[in-house]
């Protein structure tokens, strides 16, 4: 957590607090993908990405983010693929 906070303070990432319209869109995404069990956090991330027109995301949650349909029929391009667990 300390490393994340240090990166945030030096401007490595942008913090975007959720707005009511983004949370409502997140709820729509969650409801439209009810079988995935997205939850509001993942759905809100999808809503924000959709809002700022970002389709390329880094995540290991391929199960959720590869299945989300964004407005306009777009899908996310995942740049970090999940690894198989070590045996």
Protein backbone atom coordinates (compact mmCIF):
# COMPACT_ATOMS: atom_id res chain seq x y z
CA UNK A 1 0.00 0.00 0.00
CA UNK A 2 2.87 2.38 0.77
CA UNK A 3 4.29 1.92 -2.73
CA UNK A 4 0.89 2.69 -4.27
CA UNK A 5 0.53 5.84 -2.18
CA UNK A 6 4.04 6.94 -3.15
CA UNK A 7 3.22 6.41 -6.84
CA UNK A 8 -0.04 8.37 -6.45
CA UNK A 9 1.74 11.27 -4.75
CA UNK A 10 4.34 11.50 -7.53
CA UNK A 11 1.62 11.55 -10.21
CA UNK A 12 2.11 8.06 -11.64
CA UNK A 13 -1.64 7.44 -11.62
CA UNK A 14 -4.74 9.55 -11.74
CA UNK A 15 -7.31 9.10 -9.01
CA UNK A 16 -10.84 9.43 -10.36
CA UNK A 17 -13.49 9.35 -7.64
CA UNK A 18 -16.76 7.82 -8.80
CA UNK A 19 -19.55 10.22 -9.66
CA UNK A 20 -23.21 9.37 -9.30
CA UNK A 21 -23.67 8.91 -13.09
CA UNK A 22 -20.66 6.56 -13.18
CA UNK A 23 -21.99 4.56 -10.24
CA UNK A 24 -25.39 4.31 -11.93
CA UNK A 25 -23.71 3.12 -15.16
CA UNK A 26 -21.69 0.67 -13.08
CA UNK A 27 -24.94 -0.70 -11.66
CA UNK A 28 -26.27 -1.10 -15.22
CA UNK A 29 -23.15 -2.99 -16.26
CA UNK A 30 -23.36 -5.19 -13.17
CA UNK A 31 -27.03 -5.96 -13.82
CA UNK A 32 -26.50 -6.67 -17.52
CA UNK A 33 -23.74 -9.18 -16.64
CA UNK A 34 -25.53 -10.69 -13.62
CA UNK A 35 -24.20 -14.19 -14.31
CA UNK A 36 -20.60 -13.02 -13.86
CA UNK A 37 -20.97 -11.71 -10.32
CA UNK A 38 -19.00 -8.56 -11.19
CA UNK A 39 -19.98 -6.44 -8.24
CA UNK A 40 -20.00 -2.67 -8.08
CA UNK A 41 -16.21 -2.21 -7.93
CA UNK A 42 -15.39 -4.02 -11.20
CA UNK A 43 -18.51 -2.63 -12.88
CA UNK A 44 -17.57 0.92 -11.80
CA UNK A 45 -14.08 0.46 -13.22
CA UNK A 46 -15.69 -0.62 -16.48
CA UNK A 47 -18.03 2.40 -16.39
CA UNK A 48 -15.12 4.80 -15.83
CA UNK A 49 -13.06 3.22 -18.62
CA UNK A 50 -16.06 3.43 -20.93
CA UNK A 51 -16.61 7.10 -19.95
CA UNK A 52 -13.03 8.16 -20.65
CA UNK A 53 -12.92 5.93 -23.75
CA UNK A 54 -10.21 3.59 -22.53
CA UNK A 55 -10.49 0.04 -23.83
CA UNK A 56 -6.99 -1.17 -22.95
CA UNK A 57 -6.64 -2.15 -19.32
CA UNK A 58 -4.09 -3.97 -17.20
CA UNK A 59 -5.79 -6.61 -15.07
CA UNK A 60 -5.40 -10.21 -14.06
CA UNK A 61 -9.18 -10.51 -13.81
CA UNK A 62 -9.66 -11.80 -17.32
CA UNK A 63 -12.80 -13.72 -16.39
CA UNK A 64 -14.72 -10.53 -15.61
CA UNK A 65 -13.18 -7.89 -17.83
CA UNK A 66 -13.00 -9.99 -21.01
CA UNK A 67 -16.75 -10.64 -20.79
CA UNK A 68 -17.96 -7.06 -20.30
CA UNK A 69 -19.76 -5.49 -23.24
CA UNK A 70 -19.19 -1.75 -23.37
CA UNK A 71 -21.38 0.75 -25.18
CA UNK A 72 -20.95 0.52 -28.90
CA UNK A 73 -20.31 -3.23 -28.68
CA UNK A 74 -16.68 -2.79 -27.69
CA UNK A 75 -14.74 -5.14 -25.43
CA UNK A 76 -11.71 -4.52 -23.28
CA UNK A 77 -8.25 -5.36 -24.55
CA UNK A 78 -6.46 -6.98 -21.62
CA UNK A 79 -2.76 -6.26 -21.48
CA UNK A 80 -1.94 -8.46 -18.50
CA UNK A 81 -3.14 -12.01 -18.86
CA UNK A 82 -3.80 -14.20 -15.83
CA UNK A 83 -1.20 -16.81 -15.03
CA UNK A 84 -1.99 -20.40 -14.29
CA UNK A 85 -1.46 -21.26 -10.62
CA UNK A 86 1.76 -23.05 -9.83
CA UNK A 87 1.29 -26.78 -9.25
